[in-house]
């Protein structure tokens, strides 16, 4: 699209959680840990 994002027309329902960082280091059925962004009032 005009914002540089990929347009997906098949394969998704819309309620999934999609990995957007670290996609090349994953294996099928691998258990992962989500990196959470630090709160602005609790840096570090």
ModelCIF file with pLDDT and N, C-alpha, C, O atoms, coordinates in Angstrom:
data_MODEL
#
_entry.id   MODEL 
#
_entity.id                         1 
_entity.type                       polymer 
_entity.pdbx_number_of_molecules   1 
#
_entity_poly.entity_id                      1 
_entity_poly.type                           'polypeptide(L)' 
_entity_poly.nstd_linkage                   no 
_entity_poly.nstd_monomer                   no 
_entity_poly.pdbx_seq_one_letter_code       
;(UNK)(UNK)(UNK)(UNK)(UNK)(UNK)(UNK)(UNK)(UNK)(UNK)(UNK)(UNK)(UNK)(UNK)(UNK)(UNK)
(UNK)(UNK)(UNK)(UNK)(UNK)(UNK)(UNK)(UNK)(UNK)(UNK)(UNK)(UNK)(UNK)(UNK)(UNK)(UNK)
(UNK)(UNK)(UNK)(UNK)(UNK)(UNK)(UNK)(UNK)(UNK)(UNK)(UNK)(UNK)
;
_entity_poly.pdbx_seq_one_letter_code_can   XXXXXXXXXXXXXXXXXXXXXXXXXXXXXXXXXXXXXXXXXXXX 
_entity_poly.pdbx_strand_id                 A 
#
loop_
_entity_poly_seq.entity_id 
_entity_poly_seq.num 
_entity_poly_seq.mon_id 
_entity_poly_seq.hetero 
1 1  UNK n 
1 2  UNK n 
1 3  UNK n 
1 4  UNK n 
1 5  UNK n 
1 6  UNK n 
1 7  UNK n 
1 8  UNK n 
1 9  UNK n 
1 10 UNK n 
1 11 UNK n 
1 12 UNK n 
1 13 UNK n 
1 14 UNK n 
1 15 UNK n 
1 16 UNK n 
1 17 UNK n 
1 18 UNK n 
1 19 UNK n 
1 20 UNK n 
1 21 UNK n 
1 22 UNK n 
1 23 UNK n 
1 24 UNK n 
1 25 UNK n 
1 26 UNK n 
1 27 UNK n 
1 28 UNK n 
1 29 UNK n 
1 30 UNK n 
1 31 UNK n 
1 32 UNK n 
1 33 UNK n 
1 34 UNK n 
1 35 UNK n 
1 36 UNK n 
1 37 UNK n 
1 38 UNK n 
1 39 UNK n 
1 40 UNK n 
1 41 UNK n 
1 42 UNK n 
1 43 UNK n 
1 44 UNK n 
#
_struct_asym.id          A 
_struct_asym.entity_id   1 
#
loop_
_ma_qa_metric.id 
_ma_qa_metric.mode 
_ma_qa_metric.name 
_ma_qa_metric.software_group_id 
_ma_qa_metric.type 
1 global pLDDT . pLDDT 
2 local  pLDDT . pLDDT 
#
_ma_qa_metric_global.metric_id      1 
_ma_qa_metric_global.metric_value   75.09 
_ma_qa_metric_global.model_id       1 
_ma_qa_metric_global.ordinal_id     1 
#
loop_
_ma_qa_metric_local.label_asym_id 
_ma_qa_metric_local.label_comp_id 
_ma_qa_metric_local.label_seq_id 
_ma_qa_metric_local.metric_id 
_ma_qa_metric_local.metric_value 
_ma_qa_metric_local.model_id 
_ma_qa_metric_local.ordinal_id 
A UNK 1  2 73.00 1 1  
A UNK 2  2 70.00 1 2  
A UNK 3  2 75.00 1 3  
A UNK 4  2 78.00 1 4  
A UNK 5  2 82.00 1 5  
A UNK 6  2 83.00 1 6  
A UNK 7  2 83.00 1 7  
A UNK 8  2 84.00 1 8  
A UNK 9  2 81.00 1 9  
A UNK 10 2 84.00 1 10 
A UNK 11 2 84.00 1 11 
A UNK 12 2 83.00 1 12 
A UNK 13 2 81.00 1 13 
A UNK 14 2 76.00 1 14 
A UNK 15 2 76.00 1 15 
A UNK 16 2 82.00 1 16 
A UNK 17 2 84.00 1 17 
A UNK 18 2 88.00 1 18 
A UNK 19 2 87.00 1 19 
A UNK 20 2 84.00 1 20 
A UNK 21 2 82.00 1 21 
A UNK 22 2 77.00 1 22 
A UNK 23 2 81.00 1 23 
A UNK 24 2 81.00 1 24 
A UNK 25 2 81.00 1 25 
A UNK 26 2 84.00 1 26 
A UNK 27 2 83.00 1 27 
A UNK 28 2 86.00 1 28 
A UNK 29 2 87.00 1 29 
A UNK 30 2 86.00 1 30 
A UNK 31 2 85.00 1 31 
A UNK 32 2 83.00 1 32 
A UNK 33 2 80.00 1 33 
A UNK 34 2 74.00 1 34 
A UNK 35 2 70.00 1 35 
A UNK 36 2 59.00 1 36 
A UNK 37 2 55.00 1 37 
A UNK 38 2 51.00 1 38 
A UNK 39 2 49.00 1 39 
A UNK 40 2 50.00 1 40 
A UNK 41 2 52.00 1 41 
A UNK 42 2 49.00 1 42 
A UNK 43 2 51.00 1 43 
A UNK 44 2 50.00 1 44 
#
loop_
_atom_site.group_PDB 
_atom_site.id 
_atom_site.type_symbol 
_atom_site.label_atom_id 
_atom_site.label_alt_id 
_atom_site.label_comp_id 
_atom_site.label_asym_id 
_atom_site.label_entity_id 
_atom_site.label_seq_id 
_atom_site.pdbx_PDB_ins_code 
_atom_site.Cartn_x 
_atom_site.Cartn_y 
_atom_site.Cartn_z 
_atom_site.occupancy 
_atom_site.B_iso_or_equiv 
_atom_site.pdbx_formal_charge 
_atom_site.auth_seq_id 
_atom_site.auth_comp_id 
_atom_site.auth_asym_id 
_atom_site.auth_atom_id 
_atom_site.pdbx_PDB_model_num 
ATOM 1   N N  . UNK A 1 1  ? 0.828  -1.204  0.000  1.00 73.00 ? 1  UNK A N  1 
ATOM 2   C CA . UNK A 1 1  ? 0.000  0.000   0.000  1.00 73.00 ? 1  UNK A CA 1 
ATOM 3   C C  . UNK A 1 1  ? 0.861  1.253   0.000  1.00 73.00 ? 1  UNK A C  1 
ATOM 4   O O  . UNK A 1 1  ? 2.090  1.177   -0.032 1.00 73.00 ? 1  UNK A O  1 
ATOM 5   N N  . UNK A 1 2  ? 0.190  2.432   0.037  1.00 70.00 ? 2  UNK A N  1 
ATOM 6   C CA . UNK A 1 2  ? 0.909  3.700   -0.046 1.00 70.00 ? 2  UNK A CA 1 
ATOM 7   C C  . UNK A 1 2  ? 1.764  3.979   1.184  1.00 70.00 ? 2  UNK A C  1 
ATOM 8   O O  . UNK A 1 2  ? 2.623  4.859   1.146  1.00 70.00 ? 2  UNK A O  1 
ATOM 9   N N  . UNK A 1 3  ? 1.544  3.238   2.285  1.00 75.00 ? 3  UNK A N  1 
ATOM 10  C CA . UNK A 1 3  ? 2.348  3.405   3.492  1.00 75.00 ? 3  UNK A CA 1 
ATOM 11  C C  . UNK A 1 3  ? 3.508  2.418   3.554  1.00 75.00 ? 3  UNK A C  1 
ATOM 12  O O  . UNK A 1 3  ? 4.236  2.391   4.546  1.00 75.00 ? 3  UNK A O  1 
ATOM 13  N N  . UNK A 1 4  ? 3.693  1.604   2.511  1.00 78.00 ? 4  UNK A N  1 
ATOM 14  C CA . UNK A 1 4  ? 4.801  0.660   2.484  1.00 78.00 ? 4  UNK A CA 1 
ATOM 15  C C  . UNK A 1 4  ? 4.534  -0.617  3.248  1.00 78.00 ? 4  UNK A C  1 
ATOM 16  O O  . UNK A 1 4  ? 5.478  -1.324  3.599  1.00 78.00 ? 4  UNK A O  1 
ATOM 17  N N  . UNK A 1 5  ? 3.269  -0.941  3.519  1.00 82.00 ? 5  UNK A N  1 
ATOM 18  C CA . UNK A 1 5  ? 2.913  -2.165  4.223  1.00 82.00 ? 5  UNK A CA 1 
ATOM 19  C C  . UNK A 1 5  ? 2.398  -3.198  3.238  1.00 82.00 ? 5  UNK A C  1 
ATOM 20  O O  . UNK A 1 5  ? 1.810  -2.853  2.214  1.00 82.00 ? 5  UNK A O  1 
ATOM 21  N N  . UNK A 1 6  ? 2.622  -4.470  3.552  1.00 83.00 ? 6  UNK A N  1 
ATOM 22  C CA . UNK A 1 6  ? 2.182  -5.558  2.686  1.00 83.00 ? 6  UNK A CA 1 
ATOM 23  C C  . UNK A 1 6  ? 0.676  -5.741  2.812  1.00 83.00 ? 6  UNK A C  1 
ATOM 24  O O  . UNK A 1 6  ? 0.125  -5.698  3.911  1.00 83.00 ? 6  UNK A O  1 
ATOM 25  N N  . UNK A 1 7  ? 0.012  -5.948  1.666  1.00 83.00 ? 7  UNK A N  1 
ATOM 26  C CA . UNK A 1 7  ? -1.431 -6.183  1.648  1.00 83.00 ? 7  UNK A CA 1 
ATOM 27  C C  . UNK A 1 7  ? -1.664 -7.694  1.569  1.00 83.00 ? 7  UNK A C  1 
ATOM 28  O O  . UNK A 1 7  ? -1.294 -8.330  0.582  1.00 83.00 ? 7  UNK A O  1 
ATOM 29  N N  . UNK A 1 8  ? -2.275 -8.265  2.606  1.00 84.00 ? 8  UNK A N  1 
ATOM 30  C CA . UNK A 1 8  ? -2.534 -9.701  2.691  1.00 84.00 ? 8  UNK A CA 1 
ATOM 31  C C  . UNK A 1 8  ? -4.004 -9.942  2.376  1.00 84.00 ? 8  UNK A C  1 
ATOM 32  O O  . UNK A 1 8  ? -4.876 -9.465  3.102  1.00 84.00 ? 8  UNK A O  1 
ATOM 33  N N  . UNK A 1 9  ? -4.293 -10.673 1.307  1.00 81.00 ? 9  UNK A N  1 
ATOM 34  C CA . UNK A 1 9  ? -5.677 -10.905 0.875  1.00 81.00 ? 9  UNK A CA 1 
ATOM 35  C C  . UNK A 1 9  ? -6.168 -12.304 1.189  1.00 81.00 ? 9  UNK A C  1 
ATOM 36  O O  . UNK A 1 9  ? -7.348 -12.584 0.981  1.00 81.00 ? 9  UNK A O  1 
ATOM 37  N N  . UNK A 1 10 ? -5.324 -13.191 1.676  1.00 84.00 ? 10 UNK A N  1 
ATOM 38  C CA . UNK A 1 10 ? -5.758 -14.547 2.015  1.00 84.00 ? 10 UNK A CA 1 
ATOM 39  C C  . UNK A 1 10 ? -4.815 -15.121 3.063  1.00 84.00 ? 10 UNK A C  1 
ATOM 40  O O  . UNK A 1 10 ? -3.620 -14.828 3.069  1.00 84.00 ? 10 UNK A O  1 
ATOM 41  N N  . UNK A 1 11 ? -5.382 -15.960 3.969  1.00 84.00 ? 11 UNK A N  1 
ATOM 42  C CA . UNK A 1 11 ? -4.570 -16.658 4.957  1.00 84.00 ? 11 UNK A CA 1 
ATOM 43  C C  . UNK A 1 11 ? -4.704 -16.145 6.368  1.00 84.00 ? 11 UNK A C  1 
ATOM 44  O O  . UNK A 1 11 ? -4.215 -16.789 7.296  1.00 84.00 ? 11 UNK A O  1 
ATOM 45  N N  . UNK A 1 12 ? -5.357 -14.992 6.571  1.00 83.00 ? 12 UNK A N  1 
ATOM 46  C CA . UNK A 1 12 ? -5.493 -14.420 7.906  1.00 83.00 ? 12 UNK A CA 1 
ATOM 47  C C  . UNK A 1 12 ? -6.960 -14.143 8.230  1.00 83.00 ? 12 UNK A C  1 
ATOM 48  O O  . UNK A 1 12 ? -7.763 -13.848 7.345  1.00 83.00 ? 12 UNK A O  1 
ATOM 49  N N  . UNK A 1 13 ? -7.293 -14.245 9.521  1.00 81.00 ? 13 UNK A N  1 
ATOM 50  C CA . UNK A 1 13 ? -8.631 -13.907 9.981  1.00 81.00 ? 13 UNK A CA 1 
ATOM 51  C C  . UNK A 1 13 ? -8.688 -12.494 10.553 1.00 81.00 ? 13 UNK A C  1 
ATOM 52  O O  . UNK A 1 13 ? -9.747 -11.867 10.567 1.00 81.00 ? 13 UNK A O  1 
ATOM 53  N N  . UNK A 1 14 ? -7.558 -12.000 11.020 1.00 76.00 ? 14 UNK A N  1 
ATOM 54  C CA . UNK A 1 14 ? -7.498 -10.658 11.566 1.00 76.00 ? 14 UNK A CA 1 
ATOM 55  C C  . UNK A 1 14 ? -7.278 -10.597 13.051 1.00 76.00 ? 14 UNK A C  1 
ATOM 56  O O  . UNK A 1 14 ? -6.970 -9.529  13.579 1.00 76.00 ? 14 UNK A O  1 
ATOM 57  N N  . UNK A 1 15 ? -7.427 -11.736 13.766 1.00 76.00 ? 15 UNK A N  1 
ATOM 58  C CA . UNK A 1 15 ? -7.237 -11.720 15.220 1.00 76.00 ? 15 UNK A CA 1 
ATOM 59  C C  . UNK A 1 15 ? -5.952 -12.411 15.646 1.00 76.00 ? 15 UNK A C  1 
ATOM 60  O O  . UNK A 1 15 ? -5.737 -12.634 16.838 1.00 76.00 ? 15 UNK A O  1 
ATOM 61  N N  . UNK A 1 16 ? -5.093 -12.755 14.687 1.00 82.00 ? 16 UNK A N  1 
ATOM 62  C CA . UNK A 1 16 ? -3.850 -13.450 14.996 1.00 82.00 ? 16 UNK A CA 1 
ATOM 63  C C  . UNK A 1 16 ? -2.802 -12.499 15.572 1.00 82.00 ? 16 UNK A C  1 
ATOM 64  O O  . UNK A 1 16 ? -2.846 -11.287 15.363 1.00 82.00 ? 16 UNK A O  1 
ATOM 65  N N  . UNK A 1 17 ? -1.864 -13.091 16.301 1.00 84.00 ? 17 UNK A N  1 
ATOM 66  C CA . UNK A 1 17 ? -0.679 -12.360 16.734 1.00 84.00 ? 17 UNK A CA 1 
ATOM 67  C C  . UNK A 1 17 ? 0.470  -12.812 15.843 1.00 84.00 ? 17 UNK A C  1 
ATOM 68  O O  . UNK A 1 17 ? 0.835  -13.988 15.835 1.00 84.00 ? 17 UNK A O  1 
ATOM 69  N N  . UNK A 1 18 ? 1.035  -11.872 15.093 1.00 88.00 ? 18 UNK A N  1 
ATOM 70  C CA . UNK A 1 18 ? 2.037  -12.167 14.073 1.00 88.00 ? 18 UNK A CA 1 
ATOM 71  C C  . UNK A 1 18 ? 3.412  -11.729 14.570 1.00 88.00 ? 18 UNK A C  1 
ATOM 72  O O  . UNK A 1 18 ? 3.566  -10.636 15.114 1.00 88.00 ? 18 UNK A O  1 
ATOM 73  N N  . UNK A 1 19 ? 4.405  -12.593 14.377 1.00 87.00 ? 19 UNK A N  1 
ATOM 74  C CA . UNK A 1 19 ? 5.777  -12.226 14.729 1.00 87.00 ? 19 UNK A CA 1 
ATOM 75  C C  . UNK A 1 19 ? 6.299  -11.222 13.704 1.00 87.00 ? 19 UNK A C  1 
ATOM 76  O O  . UNK A 1 19 ? 6.235  -11.468 12.500 1.00 87.00 ? 19 UNK A O  1 
ATOM 77  N N  . UNK A 1 20 ? 6.816  -10.093 14.184 1.00 84.00 ? 20 UNK A N  1 
ATOM 78  C CA . UNK A 1 20 ? 7.340  -9.094  13.248 1.00 84.00 ? 20 UNK A CA 1 
ATOM 79  C C  . UNK A 1 20 ? 8.843  -8.879  13.399 1.00 84.00 ? 20 UNK A C  1 
ATOM 80  O O  . UNK A 1 20 ? 9.447  -8.196  12.572 1.00 84.00 ? 20 UNK A O  1 
ATOM 81  N N  . UNK A 1 21 ? 9.460  -9.443  14.432 1.00 82.00 ? 21 UNK A N  1 
ATOM 82  C CA . UNK A 1 21 ? 10.913 -9.333  14.602 1.00 82.00 ? 21 UNK A CA 1 
ATOM 83  C C  . UNK A 1 21 ? 11.450 -10.700 15.018 1.00 82.00 ? 21 UNK A C  1 
ATOM 84  O O  . UNK A 1 21 ? 10.908 -11.345 15.915 1.00 82.00 ? 21 UNK A O  1 
ATOM 85  N N  . UNK A 1 22 ? 12.511 -11.127 14.362 1.00 77.00 ? 22 UNK A N  1 
ATOM 86  C CA . UNK A 1 22 ? 13.088 -12.423 14.653 1.00 77.00 ? 22 UNK A CA 1 
ATOM 87  C C  . UNK A 1 22 ? 12.531 -13.547 13.813 1.00 77.00 ? 22 UNK A C  1 
ATOM 88  O O  . UNK A 1 22 ? 12.669 -14.715 14.177 1.00 77.00 ? 22 UNK A O  1 
ATOM 89  N N  . UNK A 1 23 ? 11.891 -13.218 12.675 1.00 81.00 ? 23 UNK A N  1 
ATOM 90  C CA . UNK A 1 23 ? 11.215 -14.235 11.872 1.00 81.00 ? 23 UNK A CA 1 
ATOM 91  C C  . UNK A 1 23 ? 12.191 -15.241 11.254 1.00 81.00 ? 23 UNK A C  1 
ATOM 92  O O  . UNK A 1 23 ? 11.813 -16.386 11.006 1.00 81.00 ? 23 UNK A O  1 
ATOM 93  N N  . UNK A 1 24 ? 13.418 -14.840 11.005 1.00 81.00 ? 24 UNK A N  1 
ATOM 94  C CA . UNK A 1 24 ? 14.364 -15.736 10.341 1.00 81.00 ? 24 UNK A CA 1 
ATOM 95  C C  . UNK A 1 24 ? 15.062 -16.694 11.306 1.00 81.00 ? 24 UNK A C  1 
ATOM 96  O O  . UNK A 1 24 ? 15.816 -17.562 10.867 1.00 81.00 ? 24 UNK A O  1 
ATOM 97  N N  . UNK A 1 25 ? 14.825 -16.552 12.608 1.00 81.00 ? 25 UNK A N  1 
ATOM 98  C CA . UNK A 1 25 ? 15.497 -17.404 13.597 1.00 81.00 ? 25 UNK A CA 1 
ATOM 99  C C  . UNK A 1 25 ? 14.548 -18.418 14.222 1.00 81.00 ? 25 UNK A C  1 
ATOM 100 O O  . UNK A 1 25 ? 14.916 -19.091 15.184 1.00 81.00 ? 25 UNK A O  1 
ATOM 101 N N  . UNK A 1 26 ? 13.318 -18.542 13.687 1.00 84.00 ? 26 UNK A N  1 
ATOM 102 C CA . UNK A 1 26 ? 12.305 -19.398 14.315 1.00 84.00 ? 26 UNK A CA 1 
ATOM 103 C C  . UNK A 1 26 ? 12.231 -20.760 13.647 1.00 84.00 ? 26 UNK A C  1 
ATOM 104 O O  . UNK A 1 26 ? 12.606 -20.925 12.486 1.00 84.00 ? 26 UNK A O  1 
ATOM 105 N N  . UNK A 1 27 ? 11.729 -21.749 14.420 1.00 83.00 ? 27 UNK A N  1 
ATOM 106 C CA . UNK A 1 27 ? 11.466 -23.101 13.935 1.00 83.00 ? 27 UNK A CA 1 
ATOM 107 C C  . UNK A 1 27 ? 10.006 -23.440 14.229 1.00 83.00 ? 27 UNK A C  1 
ATOM 108 O O  . UNK A 1 27 ? 9.396  -22.863 15.129 1.00 83.00 ? 27 UNK A O  1 
ATOM 109 N N  . UNK A 1 28 ? 9.453  -24.377 13.465 1.00 86.00 ? 28 UNK A N  1 
ATOM 110 C CA . UNK A 1 28 ? 8.070  -24.781 13.638 1.00 86.00 ? 28 UNK A CA 1 
ATOM 111 C C  . UNK A 1 28 ? 7.853  -25.342 15.049 1.00 86.00 ? 28 UNK A C  1 
ATOM 112 O O  . UNK A 1 28 ? 8.646  -26.146 15.539 1.00 86.00 ? 28 UNK A O  1 
ATOM 113 N N  . UNK A 1 29 ? 6.754  -24.898 15.698 1.00 87.00 ? 29 UNK A N  1 
ATOM 114 C CA . UNK A 1 29 ? 6.358  -25.315 17.053 1.00 87.00 ? 29 UNK A CA 1 
ATOM 115 C C  . UNK A 1 29 ? 7.357  -24.898 18.127 1.00 87.00 ? 29 UNK A C  1 
ATOM 116 O O  . UNK A 1 29 ? 7.296  -25.395 19.251 1.00 87.00 ? 29 UNK A O  1 
ATOM 117 N N  . UNK A 1 30 ? 8.258  -24.008 17.802 1.00 86.00 ? 30 UNK A N  1 
ATOM 118 C CA . UNK A 1 30 ? 9.209  -23.518 18.795 1.00 86.00 ? 30 UNK A CA 1 
ATOM 119 C C  . UNK A 1 30 ? 8.499  -22.598 19.784 1.00 86.00 ? 30 UNK A C  1 
ATOM 120 O O  . UNK A 1 30 ? 7.625  -21.818 19.405 1.00 86.00 ? 30 UNK A O  1 
ATOM 121 N N  . UNK A 1 31 ? 8.884  -22.700 21.050 1.00 85.00 ? 31 UNK A N  1 
ATOM 122 C CA . UNK A 1 31 ? 8.314  -21.836 22.072 1.00 85.00 ? 31 UNK A CA 1 
ATOM 123 C C  . UNK A 1 31 ? 9.162  -20.568 22.166 1.00 85.00 ? 31 UNK A C  1 
ATOM 124 O O  . UNK A 1 31 ? 10.391 -20.634 22.218 1.00 85.00 ? 31 UNK A O  1 
ATOM 125 N N  . UNK A 1 32 ? 8.498  -19.420 22.187 1.00 83.00 ? 32 UNK A N  1 
ATOM 126 C CA . UNK A 1 32 ? 9.212  -18.148 22.143 1.00 83.00 ? 32 UNK A CA 1 
ATOM 127 C C  . UNK A 1 32 ? 8.821  -17.275 23.323 1.00 83.00 ? 32 UNK A C  1 
ATOM 128 O O  . UNK A 1 32 ? 7.816  -17.510 23.994 1.00 83.00 ? 32 UNK A O  1 
ATOM 129 N N  . UNK A 1 33 ? 9.628  -16.281 23.551 1.00 80.00 ? 33 UNK A N  1 
ATOM 130 C CA . UNK A 1 33 ? 9.350  -15.279 24.584 1.00 80.00 ? 33 UNK A CA 1 
ATOM 131 C C  . UNK A 1 33 ? 9.212  -13.923 23.913 1.00 80.00 ? 33 UNK A C  1 
ATOM 132 O O  . UNK A 1 33 ? 10.073 -13.525 23.129 1.00 80.00 ? 33 UNK A O  1 
ATOM 133 N N  . UNK A 1 34 ? 8.135  -13.214 24.214 1.00 74.00 ? 34 UNK A N  1 
ATOM 134 C CA . UNK A 1 34 ? 7.854  -11.923 23.591 1.00 74.00 ? 34 UNK A CA 1 
ATOM 135 C C  . UNK A 1 34 ? 8.659  -10.840 24.280 1.00 74.00 ? 34 UNK A C  1 
ATOM 136 O O  . UNK A 1 34 ? 8.683  -10.764 25.509 1.00 74.00 ? 34 UNK A O  1 
ATOM 137 N N  . UNK A 1 35 ? 9.316  -10.008 23.500 1.00 70.00 ? 35 UNK A N  1 
ATOM 138 C CA . UNK A 1 35 ? 10.056 -8.865  24.038 1.00 70.00 ? 35 UNK A CA 1 
ATOM 139 C C  . UNK A 1 35 ? 9.069  -7.715  24.221 1.00 70.00 ? 35 UNK A C  1 
ATOM 140 O O  . UNK A 1 35 ? 8.488  -7.230  23.250 1.00 70.00 ? 35 UNK A O  1 
ATOM 141 N N  . UNK A 1 36 ? 8.885  -7.289  25.440 1.00 59.00 ? 36 UNK A N  1 
ATOM 142 C CA . UNK A 1 36 ? 7.957  -6.199  25.730 1.00 59.00 ? 36 UNK A CA 1 
ATOM 143 C C  . UNK A 1 36 ? 8.707  -4.874  25.751 1.00 59.00 ? 36 UNK A C  1 
ATOM 144 O O  . UNK A 1 36 ? 9.844  -4.794  26.216 1.00 59.00 ? 36 UNK A O  1 
ATOM 145 N N  . UNK A 1 37 ? 8.066  -3.862  25.253 1.00 55.00 ? 37 UNK A N  1 
ATOM 146 C CA . UNK A 1 37 ? 8.656  -2.518  25.244 1.00 55.00 ? 37 UNK A CA 1 
ATOM 147 C C  . UNK A 1 37 ? 8.611  -1.914  26.642 1.00 55.00 ? 37 UNK A C  1 
ATOM 148 O O  . UNK A 1 37 ? 7.599  -2.019  27.334 1.00 55.00 ? 37 UNK A O  1 
ATOM 149 N N  . UNK A 1 38 ? 9.697  -1.287  27.055 1.00 51.00 ? 38 UNK A N  1 
ATOM 150 C CA . UNK A 1 38 ? 9.740  -0.659  28.372 1.00 51.00 ? 38 UNK A CA 1 
ATOM 151 C C  . UNK A 1 38 ? 8.704  0.441   28.482 1.00 51.00 ? 38 UNK A C  1 
ATOM 152 O O  . UNK A 1 38 ? 8.482  1.197   27.536 1.00 51.00 ? 38 UNK A O  1 
ATOM 153 N N  . UNK A 1 39 ? 8.069  0.526   29.650 1.00 49.00 ? 39 UNK A N  1 
ATOM 154 C CA . UNK A 1 39 ? 7.147  1.613   29.908 1.00 49.00 ? 39 UNK A CA 1 
ATOM 155 C C  . UNK A 1 39 ? 7.920  2.929   29.982 1.00 49.00 ? 39 UNK A C  1 
ATOM 156 O O  . UNK A 1 39 ? 9.035  2.974   30.502 1.00 49.00 ? 39 UNK A O  1 
ATOM 157 N N  . UNK A 1 40 ? 7.310  4.013   29.449 1.00 50.00 ? 40 UNK A N  1 
ATOM 158 C CA . UNK A 1 40 ? 8.001  5.306   29.425 1.00 50.00 ? 40 UNK A CA 1 
ATOM 159 C C  . UNK A 1 40 ? 8.322  5.814   30.827 1.00 50.00 ? 40 UNK A C  1 
ATOM 160 O O  . UNK A 1 40 ? 9.270  6.577   31.017 1.00 50.00 ? 40 UNK A O  1 
ATOM 161 N N  . UNK A 1 41 ? 7.526  5.388   31.807 1.00 52.00 ? 41 UNK A N  1 
ATOM 162 C CA . UNK A 1 41 ? 7.768  5.841   33.189 1.00 52.00 ? 41 UNK A CA 1 
ATOM 163 C C  . UNK A 1 41 ? 8.597  4.826   33.982 1.00 52.00 ? 41 UNK A C  1 
ATOM 164 O O  . UNK A 1 41 ? 8.875  5.032   35.163 1.00 52.00 ? 41 UNK A O  1 
ATOM 165 N N  . UNK A 1 42 ? 8.993  3.718   33.319 1.00 49.00 ? 42 UNK A N  1 
ATOM 166 C CA . UNK A 1 42 ? 9.777  2.688   34.013 1.00 49.00 ? 42 UNK A CA 1 
ATOM 167 C C  . UNK A 1 42 ? 10.901 2.232   33.085 1.00 49.00 ? 42 UNK A C  1 
ATOM 168 O O  . UNK A 1 42 ? 10.983 1.057   32.727 1.00 49.00 ? 42 UNK A O  1 
ATOM 169 N N  . UNK A 1 43 ? 11.755 3.163   32.705 1.00 51.00 ? 43 UNK A N  1 
ATOM 170 C CA . UNK A 1 43 ? 12.820 2.887   31.766 1.00 51.00 ? 43 UNK A CA 1 
ATOM 171 C C  . UNK A 1 43 ? 13.780 1.866   32.370 1.00 51.00 ? 43 UNK A C  1 
ATOM 172 O O  . UNK A 1 43 ? 14.270 2.039   33.486 1.00 51.00 ? 43 UNK A O  1 
ATOM 173 N N  . UNK A 1 44 ? 14.040 0.795   31.612 1.00 50.00 ? 44 UNK A N  1 
ATOM 174 C CA . UNK A 1 44 ? 14.948 -0.243  32.086 1.00 50.00 ? 44 UNK A CA 1 
ATOM 175 C C  . UNK A 1 44 ? 14.270 -1.279  32.958 1.00 50.00 ? 44 UNK A C  1 
ATOM 176 O O  . UNK A 1 44 ? 14.920 -2.213  33.427 1.00 50.00 ? 44 UNK A O  1 
#
